[in-house]
Amino acid sequence: MKTRDATAADIDFLANAFLRAMRPYITAARGSWDQVKEDRQFREQLHLSSTRIILDEGNSVGFYMTHDEGHDLELHTLCIVPEYQTPRLGHGSRPANYRPGSEVQTRRCAFSSQGKSRCTFALSTARICRHQRDRSPLPDEARMKSPPVRPAAKDPDRMSIKVANRFHEANRRRWDAGSASWARRADTRGIWKRSHLDPSLALDSAELKWLNDVAGKSVAVLGSGDNQVVFALAGLGAKVTSIDISEHQIEVARSRAALLGLQVNFVRSDVIDLSSLADATFDVVYTGGYVAPWVSDLRRYYGEAGRILKPGGLLIVSEYHPFRRVWKRSPSSLELRSNYFDRGPYRFEAAPDVLYHAPGELEQFEFHWTVADYITAILASGCQLIHAEEFGDAVKDWEDAPMAGLPRSLLLVGRRDG
């Protein structure tokens, strides 16, 4: 039995294998089966893990998903397609290296049932070991002793199954295509031309309370977009680094900064991978407006923000309020479009204009994060939450429902430990 790295081309196989294997189990447990919901949740889960395809005589027979936990690999999900859940793969005695309470943990066993029997596998160094297959229920957590494992060095020319990259690459292409129309609209408003002189054009008074003293400080703006906030902070005297995933957005902002005579450091990077920036570099990290819905992993996003903050530095998150993201388009009534707790991903095929949605050929993915998601992601980043505030209740012309009275923005401020 061999394995190989999964690629983007394997996504449909992975989803199909998982859904066919899990359907009997979930239906028995819940009494129902929602194919669309399970498929969406599985595809969302893919981006959190590294995935390898299991091969038997050249055939793809399943897959396993792991998290890298330092020197250990934590087995998260393992799935064998139903046709291969046979005595050939399922029988066998418990391996000699089975020890409860070790470093590698099976959190979830994703297999279909044949009668009342179930299978579980565990990762042992570089191979898949067989575990006992019988008619007794499995423990909630089965652990397999294994020598410390470091993942193999990654080939930069080989695309691994980090599905976050697929989501974010689609969104990058979408923003690259939409940057021209976004720039034209920004030119019409003209805020970028004046925000360095009047920061209140780009920042609310609730935000400025935390930013008025940035003169001489190093500030990173994540998901800088049209860079109105960047120019406002530069006007306040900050040494600003502008970070965005779209090269076209960066190019527009760089030319505008030159016209305004502003010194800004521009970096094209995904906010969940700021490896080009050193640890403990910035006094303040600001992110917000409407960045988080484009990001597939909030904890990695804010984790990177926390990493580049100096001890005692501030992480300022000022996002479009999630309460406003769940409504159907309607000029006169509020009707739920989606469950508040359904994080997505939501896939769209859109025209280049990012603000006013219309059908088109550009693939994009959006995510919905709850207030609790924002708070827990900040706390997980190594920051203490020191301020929370909701502000604004007006409705903009591009908003599609009568949401006056609902909070427009969510402001959270964290301070880096140490």
Protein backbone atom coordinates (compact mmCIF):
# COMPACT_ATOMS: atom_id res chain seq x y z
CA MET A 1 0.00 0.00 0.00
CA LYS A 2 1.42 3.38 -1.05
CA THR A 3 0.42 7.02 -0.65
CA ARG A 4 0.91 10.24 -2.57
CA ASP A 5 0.16 13.91 -2.04
CA ALA A 6 -3.36 14.89 -3.04
CA THR A 7 -3.73 17.69 -5.58
CA ALA A 8 -6.53 20.03 -6.55
CA ALA A 9 -7.51 17.52 -9.24
CA ASP A 10 -8.38 15.02 -6.48
CA ILE A 11 -10.95 17.22 -4.71
CA ASP A 12 -13.97 15.60 -6.35
CA PHE A 13 -12.63 12.11 -5.59
CA LEU A 14 -12.01 13.06 -1.95
CA ALA A 15 -15.48 14.52 -1.51
CA ASN A 16 -17.17 11.59 -3.25
CA ALA A 17 -15.26 9.01 -1.22
CA PHE A 18 -15.99 10.78 2.05
CA LEU A 19 -19.69 11.30 1.35
CA ARG A 20 -20.31 7.71 0.20
CA ALA A 21 -18.42 6.31 3.17
CA MET A 22 -20.05 8.57 5.73
CA ARG A 23 -23.64 8.57 4.52
CA PRO A 24 -24.78 5.36 6.26
CA TYR A 25 -23.01 6.36 9.47
CA ILE A 26 -24.39 9.91 9.64
CA THR A 27 -27.87 8.83 8.55
CA ALA A 28 -27.95 6.21 11.31
CA ALA A 29 -26.71 8.71 13.88
CA ARG A 30 -28.87 11.70 12.90
CA GLY A 31 -31.79 10.11 11.13
CA SER A 32 -31.26 12.28 8.04
CA TRP A 33 -28.70 13.16 5.38
CA ASP A 34 -28.07 16.56 3.81
CA GLN A 35 -25.80 15.92 0.82
CA VAL A 36 -25.22 19.58 -0.04
CA LYS A 37 -24.39 20.58 3.53
CA GLU A 38 -22.05 17.62 4.13
CA ASP A 39 -20.24 18.24 0.85
CA ARG A 40 -19.74 21.93 1.65
CA GLN A 41 -18.50 21.24 5.17
CA PHE A 42 -16.07 18.58 3.96
CA ARG A 43 -14.60 20.85 1.29
CA GLU A 44 -14.22 23.57 3.91
CA GLN A 45 -12.39 21.11 6.20
CA LEU A 46 -9.88 20.19 3.49
CA HIS A 47 -8.04 23.50 3.78
CA LEU A 48 -7.21 22.87 7.44
CA SER A 49 -5.24 19.71 6.75
CA SER A 50 -2.59 18.09 4.60
CA THR A 51 -4.08 15.24 2.63
CA ARG A 52 -2.60 12.12 1.03
CA ILE A 53 -4.24 9.63 -1.30
CA ILE A 54 -3.98 5.94 -0.32
CA LEU A 55 -3.10 3.67 -3.26
CA ASP A 56 -3.54 -0.09 -3.55
CA GLU A 57 -2.01 -1.61 -6.69
CA GLY A 58 -2.22 1.78 -8.36
CA ASN A 59 -5.88 2.37 -7.46
CA SER A 60 -6.99 5.25 -5.26
CA VAL A 61 -8.75 3.52 -2.38
CA GLY A 62 -9.00 6.28 0.21
CA PHE A 63 -7.21 9.16 1.87
CA TYR A 64 -6.05 10.48 5.20
CA MET A 65 -5.82 14.03 6.55
CA THR A 66 -3.22 15.14 9.07
CA HIS A 67 -2.30 18.24 11.03
CA ASP A 68 1.36 19.07 11.62
CA GLU A 69 1.88 19.39 15.37
CA GLY A 70 5.58 20.22 15.57
CA HIS A 71 7.46 16.90 15.66
CA ASP A 72 4.23 14.91 15.50
CA LEU A 73 1.61 14.32 12.87
CA GLU A 74 -1.92 14.24 14.19
CA LEU A 75 -4.26 12.03 12.19
CA HIS A 76 -7.54 13.89 11.80
CA THR A 77 -9.58 11.88 9.29
CA LEU A 78 -9.03 8.66 7.41
CA CYS A 79 -11.46 7.33 4.82
CA ILE A 80 -11.49 4.13 2.76
CA VAL A 81 -14.00 3.97 -0.10
CA PRO A 82 -16.74 1.40 0.62
CA GLU A 83 -15.70 -0.97 -2.18
CA TYR A 84 -12.30 -1.49 -0.51
CA GLN A 85 -13.62 -2.05 2.99
CA THR A 86 -13.04 -5.78 2.58
CA PRO A 87 -11.34 -8.46 4.62
CA ARG A 88 -8.18 -7.75 2.62
CA LEU A 89 -7.90 -4.25 4.14
CA GLY A 90 -10.02 -4.59 7.23
CA HIS A 91 -8.96 -7.83 8.89
CA GLY A 92 -5.88 -8.29 11.00
CA SER A 93 -4.77 -8.20 14.57
CA ARG A 94 -3.99 -5.03 16.47
CA PRO A 95 -0.46 -3.86 15.55
CA ALA A 96 2.28 -4.50 18.04
CA ASN A 97 3.03 -0.79 18.34
CA TYR A 98 -0.51 0.05 19.54
CA ARG A 99 -0.29 2.06 22.77
CA PRO A 100 -3.11 4.17 24.18
CA GLY A 101 -2.15 7.72 25.05
CA SER A 102 0.55 8.40 22.48
CA GLU A 103 1.38 11.41 20.31
CA VAL A 104 -0.69 10.53 17.23
CA GLN A 105 -4.40 10.74 17.79
CA THR A 106 -7.28 9.56 15.65
CA ARG A 107 -9.92 12.21 16.21
CA ARG A 108 -12.39 11.08 13.62
CA CYS A 109 -12.93 7.76 11.87
CA ALA A 110 -14.76 8.29 8.60
CA PHE A 111 -15.91 4.88 7.41
CA SER A 112 -19.14 3.31 6.36
CA SER A 113 -20.55 0.41 8.34
CA GLN A 114 -21.04 -3.13 7.11
CA GLY A 115 -23.54 -4.54 9.52
CA LYS A 116 -22.30 -3.28 12.89
CA SER A 117 -18.63 -3.59 12.05
CA ARG A 118 -16.42 -0.55 11.68
CA CYS A 119 -12.82 0.02 10.62
CA THR A 120 -10.19 2.39 11.90
CA PHE A 121 -6.69 2.99 10.70
CA ALA A 122 -3.81 4.93 12.22
CA LEU A 123 -0.72 6.57 10.86
CA SER A 124 2.58 4.93 11.80
CA THR A 125 5.70 6.73 10.55
CA ALA A 126 5.32 6.61 6.74
CA ARG A 127 2.81 3.79 6.34
CA ILE A 128 -0.79 2.96 7.17
CA CYS A 129 -1.15 0.28 9.85
CA ARG A 130 -4.21 -1.93 10.17
CA HIS A 131 -6.19 -1.77 13.34
CA GLN A 132 -8.49 -4.41 14.78
CA ARG A 133 -11.77 -4.78 12.93
CA ASP A 134 -14.54 -6.29 14.98
CA ARG A 135 -18.16 -5.77 15.98
CA SER A 136 -17.45 -3.84 19.17
CA PRO A 137 -17.83 -0.06 19.25
CA LEU A 138 -14.64 1.91 18.83
CA PRO A 139 -13.44 4.18 21.64
CA ASP A 140 -14.03 7.89 21.10
CA GLU A 141 -10.29 8.39 20.76
CA ALA A 142 -7.90 5.64 19.65
CA ARG A 143 -4.18 6.49 19.84
CA MET A 144 -1.24 4.88 18.09
CA LYS A 145 2.33 5.08 19.40
CA SER A 146 4.68 6.32 16.71
CA PRO A 147 8.24 7.65 16.53
CA PRO A 148 8.42 11.43 16.18
CA VAL A 149 7.77 12.35 12.56
CA ARG A 150 8.70 15.44 10.64
CA PRO A 151 6.88 16.00 7.36
CA ALA A 152 9.02 15.55 4.29
CA ALA A 153 10.45 18.66 2.66
CA LYS A 154 7.90 20.08 0.27
CA ASP A 155 8.58 20.33 -3.43
CA PRO A 156 7.68 23.91 -4.37
CA ASP A 157 6.74 22.77 -7.87
CA ARG A 158 4.17 20.30 -6.55
CA MET A 159 0.77 21.58 -5.55
CA SER A 160 -0.27 20.10 -2.22
CA ILE A 161 -3.88 19.92 -1.12
CA LYS A 162 -3.99 23.12 0.86
CA VAL A 163 -7.44 24.01 -0.33
CA ALA A 164 -7.13 27.43 1.30
CA ASN A 165 -4.80 28.16 -1.59
CA ARG A 166 -7.52 27.24 -4.05
CA PHE A 167 -10.02 29.50 -2.34
CA HIS A 168 -7.58 32.35 -2.00
CA GLU A 169 -6.11 31.98 -5.47
CA ALA A 170 -9.60 32.21 -6.95
CA ASN A 171 -10.26 35.30 -4.86
CA ARG A 172 -6.91 36.80 -5.88
CA ARG A 173 -7.78 36.37 -9.56
CA ARG A 174 -11.19 37.81 -8.90
CA TRP A 175 -9.67 40.94 -7.24
CA ASP A 176 -7.04 41.30 -9.94
CA ALA A 177 -9.85 41.31 -12.51
CA GLY A 178 -11.97 43.72 -10.48
CA SER A 179 -9.24 46.16 -9.48
CA ALA A 180 -9.79 48.49 -12.44
CA SER A 181 -13.49 49.03 -11.72
CA TRP A 182 -12.72 49.33 -7.99
CA ALA A 183 -10.09 51.99 -8.76
CA ARG A 184 -12.50 53.95 -10.94
CA ARG A 185 -15.08 53.97 -8.17
CA ALA A 186 -12.44 55.06 -5.66
CA ASP A 187 -11.43 57.88 -8.00
CA THR A 188 -15.04 59.03 -8.12
CA ARG A 189 -15.27 59.13 -4.32
CA GLY A 190 -11.87 60.74 -4.05
CA ILE A 191 -11.28 59.65 -0.45
CA TRP A 192 -7.83 58.23 -1.20
CA LYS A 193 -6.72 61.68 -2.37
CA ARG A 194 -7.63 63.30 0.97
CA SER A 195 -7.48 60.63 3.69
CA HIS A 196 -3.81 61.44 4.49
CA LEU A 197 -4.95 64.98 5.30
CA ASP A 198 -8.17 63.98 7.06
CA PRO A 199 -7.96 60.45 8.54
CA SER A 200 -11.62 60.56 9.59
CA LEU A 201 -12.54 60.07 5.92
CA ALA A 202 -11.17 56.51 6.12
CA LEU A 203 -11.36 55.69 9.83
CA ASP A 204 -14.29 55.96 12.25
CA SER A 205 -13.85 57.86 15.48
CA ALA A 206 -14.11 54.52 17.32
CA GLU A 207 -11.01 53.33 15.43
CA LEU A 208 -9.13 56.62 15.70
CA LYS A 209 -9.23 56.38 19.50
CA TRP A 210 -6.69 53.55 19.11
CA LEU A 211 -4.73 55.04 16.22
CA ASN A 212 -4.23 58.73 16.93
CA ASP A 213 -0.82 58.11 18.53
CA VAL A 214 0.78 56.05 15.72
CA ALA A 215 3.28 58.75 14.68
CA GLY A 216 6.70 57.11 14.38
CA LYS A 217 5.31 53.62 14.98
CA SER A 218 5.45 50.68 12.59
CA VAL A 219 1.97 49.68 11.40
CA ALA A 220 0.91 46.80 9.13
CA VAL A 221 -2.42 46.92 7.30
CA LEU A 222 -3.59 43.43 6.26
CA GLY A 223 -5.92 43.21 3.27
CA SER A 224 -5.22 46.84 2.43
CA GLY A 225 -7.39 46.94 -0.71
CA ASP A 226 -7.87 50.51 -1.92
CA ASN A 227 -5.37 51.69 0.76
CA GLN A 228 -7.48 54.56 2.06
CA VAL A 229 -6.69 53.42 5.63
CA VAL A 230 -3.01 53.04 4.71
CA PHE A 231 -2.85 56.63 3.46
CA ALA A 232 -4.72 57.88 6.55
CA LEU A 233 -2.19 56.18 8.84
CA ALA A 234 0.72 57.50 6.79
CA GLY A 235 -0.78 60.96 7.18
CA LEU A 236 -0.80 60.43 10.95
CA GLY A 237 2.95 59.83 10.80
CA ALA A 238 3.05 56.02 10.95
CA LYS A 239 5.61 53.90 9.11
CA VAL A 240 3.09 51.79 7.20
CA THR A 241 3.40 48.44 5.46
CA SER A 242 0.48 47.70 3.11
CA ILE A 243 -0.25 44.01 2.52
CA ASP A 244 -2.74 42.64 -0.01
CA ILE A 245 -3.18 39.44 -2.00
CA SER A 246 -3.90 41.26 -5.28
CA GLU A 247 -0.88 42.49 -7.22
CA HIS A 248 -3.13 44.78 -9.25
CA GLN A 249 -4.50 46.42 -6.10
CA ILE A 250 -0.93 46.89 -4.88
CA GLU A 251 0.12 48.45 -8.20
CA VAL A 252 -2.75 50.96 -8.08
CA ALA A 253 -1.97 51.84 -4.46
CA ARG A 254 1.77 52.23 -5.14
CA SER A 255 1.11 54.73 -7.94
CA ARG A 256 -1.33 56.68 -5.76
CA ALA A 257 1.12 56.82 -2.85
CA ALA A 258 3.75 58.24 -5.21
CA LEU A 259 1.32 60.93 -6.41
CA LEU A 260 0.60 61.87 -2.79
CA GLY A 261 4.26 61.82 -1.81
CA LEU A 262 3.70 59.16 0.86
CA GLN A 263 6.35 56.64 1.95
CA VAL A 264 4.64 53.23 2.16
CA ASN A 265 6.13 49.74 2.03
CA PHE A 266 4.00 47.51 -0.21
CA VAL A 267 3.94 43.70 0.11
CA ARG A 268 1.92 41.30 -2.01
CA SER A 269 1.00 38.40 0.25
CA ASP A 270 -1.82 36.18 1.41
CA VAL A 271 -2.83 37.19 4.94
CA ILE A 272 -2.66 33.58 6.14
CA ASP A 273 1.00 33.34 5.07
CA LEU A 274 3.09 36.37 6.03
CA SER A 275 6.35 34.42 6.02
CA SER A 276 8.10 37.30 4.24
CA LEU A 277 7.62 39.38 7.43
CA ALA A 278 9.70 38.71 10.54
CA ASP A 279 8.32 37.99 13.99
CA ALA A 280 7.67 40.90 16.37
CA THR A 281 8.10 43.59 13.69
CA PHE A 282 5.11 45.90 14.14
CA ASP A 283 3.72 48.08 16.91
CA VAL A 284 0.21 47.89 15.44
CA VAL A 285 -1.54 45.55 13.02
CA TYR A 286 -4.79 46.86 11.56
CA THR A 287 -7.17 44.80 9.45
CA GLY A 288 -10.76 45.24 8.52
CA GLY A 289 -13.40 46.80 6.35
CA TYR A 290 -14.43 43.67 4.51
CA VAL A 291 -11.40 41.38 4.57
CA ALA A 292 -12.38 38.39 6.74
CA PRO A 293 -15.21 37.13 4.47
CA TRP A 294 -12.59 36.51 1.76
CA VAL A 295 -10.36 34.48 4.10
CA SER A 296 -10.85 30.75 4.61
CA ASP A 297 -9.00 30.37 7.92
CA LEU A 298 -9.59 33.10 10.48
CA ARG A 299 -7.25 31.61 13.09
CA ARG A 300 -4.31 31.42 10.72
CA TYR A 301 -5.10 34.95 9.55
CA TYR A 302 -5.07 36.46 13.04
CA GLY A 303 -2.34 34.06 14.12
CA GLU A 304 -0.04 35.59 11.52
CA ALA A 305 -1.10 39.05 12.67
CA GLY A 306 -0.19 38.14 16.25
CA ARG A 307 3.14 36.68 15.15
CA ILE A 308 4.34 39.86 13.45
CA LEU A 309 3.25 42.04 16.40
CA LYS A 310 5.79 43.20 18.95
CA PRO A 311 5.06 42.22 22.57
CA GLY A 312 2.53 44.72 23.88
CA GLY A 313 1.53 45.70 20.32
CA LEU A 314 -2.08 46.18 19.28
CA LEU A 315 -4.13 44.03 16.90
CA ILE A 316 -7.06 46.13 15.67
CA VAL A 317 -9.84 44.29 13.85
CA SER A 318 -12.62 46.46 12.44
CA GLU A 319 -14.89 44.34 10.27
CA TYR A 320 -18.24 44.66 8.57
CA HIS A 321 -20.61 43.23 11.16
CA PRO A 322 -21.54 39.57 10.60
CA PHE A 323 -25.15 40.35 11.55
CA ARG A 324 -25.43 42.10 8.17
CA ARG A 325 -24.19 39.21 6.08
CA VAL A 326 -27.10 36.77 6.38
CA TRP A 327 -29.97 38.53 4.61
CA LYS A 328 -31.54 38.04 1.20
CA ARG A 329 -31.67 40.90 -1.24
CA SER A 330 -34.89 42.78 -0.57
CA PRO A 331 -35.72 46.49 -0.56
CA SER A 332 -38.48 46.21 2.03
CA SER A 333 -38.10 43.21 4.37
CA LEU A 334 -35.49 41.18 6.21
CA GLU A 335 -35.46 37.49 5.31
CA LEU A 336 -32.64 35.11 6.16
CA ARG A 337 -30.55 34.01 3.20
CA SER A 338 -28.36 31.68 5.27
CA ASN A 339 -28.00 30.39 8.79
CA TYR A 340 -25.84 32.67 10.93
CA PHE A 341 -23.76 29.64 11.97
CA ASP A 342 -23.11 28.36 8.44
CA ARG A 343 -19.51 29.43 7.77
CA GLY A 344 -19.44 28.42 4.11
CA PRO A 345 -17.56 28.42 1.82
CA TYR A 346 -20.04 30.14 -0.47
CA ARG A 347 -19.08 29.86 -4.11
CA PHE A 348 -20.08 32.45 -6.71
CA GLU A 349 -19.45 33.04 -10.39
CA ALA A 350 -19.35 36.79 -10.76
CA ALA A 351 -18.66 39.67 -13.13
CA PRO A 352 -15.58 41.84 -12.46
CA ASP A 353 -17.38 44.50 -10.43
CA VAL A 354 -16.77 43.44 -6.82
CA LEU A 355 -19.16 45.85 -5.11
CA TYR A 356 -22.31 45.34 -7.18
CA HIS A 357 -22.70 41.61 -7.73
CA ALA A 358 -23.71 40.33 -11.15
CA PRO A 359 -23.37 36.87 -12.74
CA GLY A 360 -20.14 36.25 -14.63
CA GLU A 361 -17.24 33.87 -15.14
CA LEU A 362 -14.97 34.79 -12.21
CA GLU A 363 -15.00 32.21 -9.43
CA GLN A 364 -14.95 33.59 -5.90
CA PHE A 365 -15.38 32.13 -2.42
CA GLU A 366 -16.73 33.89 0.65
CA PHE A 367 -16.90 32.81 4.28
CA HIS A 368 -19.14 33.85 7.14
CA TRP A 369 -17.56 34.30 10.57
CA THR A 370 -19.58 34.81 13.73
CA VAL A 371 -18.77 37.34 16.46
CA ALA A 372 -17.51 34.43 18.58
CA ASP A 373 -15.24 33.32 15.73
CA TYR A 374 -13.58 36.73 15.63
CA ILE A 375 -13.08 36.80 19.40
CA THR A 376 -11.70 33.27 19.70
CA ALA A 377 -9.35 33.80 16.74
CA ILE A 378 -7.91 36.91 18.40
CA LEU A 379 -7.45 35.08 21.69
CA ALA A 380 -5.77 32.18 19.87
CA SER A 381 -3.34 34.61 18.21
CA GLY A 382 -1.54 35.30 21.48
CA CYS A 383 -3.40 38.54 22.17
CA GLN A 384 -5.58 39.51 25.09
CA LEU A 385 -8.89 41.12 24.12
CA ILE A 386 -8.89 44.59 25.68
CA HIS A 387 -11.76 46.29 23.85
CA ALA A 388 -14.93 45.38 21.97
CA GLU A 389 -17.35 47.76 20.33
CA GLU A 390 -20.11 47.84 17.71
CA PHE A 391 -20.69 51.06 15.83
CA GLY A 392 -22.69 52.52 12.97
CA ASP A 393 -26.29 51.74 12.03
CA ALA A 394 -26.80 53.44 8.65
CA VAL A 395 -27.30 51.55 5.38
CA LYS A 396 -25.01 52.13 2.39
CA ASP A 397 -26.33 52.25 -1.16
CA TRP A 398 -24.67 48.94 -2.06
CA GLU A 399 -26.34 47.04 0.80
CA ASP A 400 -29.25 44.95 -0.41
CA ALA A 401 -31.62 44.86 2.56
CA PRO A 402 -33.23 47.35 4.99
CA MET A 403 -30.71 46.87 7.81
CA ALA A 404 -30.92 50.30 9.44
CA GLY A 405 -30.67 49.84 13.19
CA LEU A 406 -28.38 46.82 12.96
CA PRO A 407 -24.71 47.40 13.86
CA ARG A 408 -22.62 48.11 10.78
CA SER A 409 -19.14 47.41 12.17
CA LEU A 410 -17.51 45.23 14.79
CA LEU A 411 -14.36 46.63 16.43
CA LEU A 412 -12.11 44.33 18.47
CA VAL A 413 -8.76 45.32 19.93
CA GLY A 414 -6.21 42.84 21.23
CA ARG A 415 -2.87 43.40 22.95
CA ARG A 416 -0.01 41.00 22.20
CA ASP A 417 1.16 39.04 25.23
CA GLY A 418 4.59 39.76 26.63
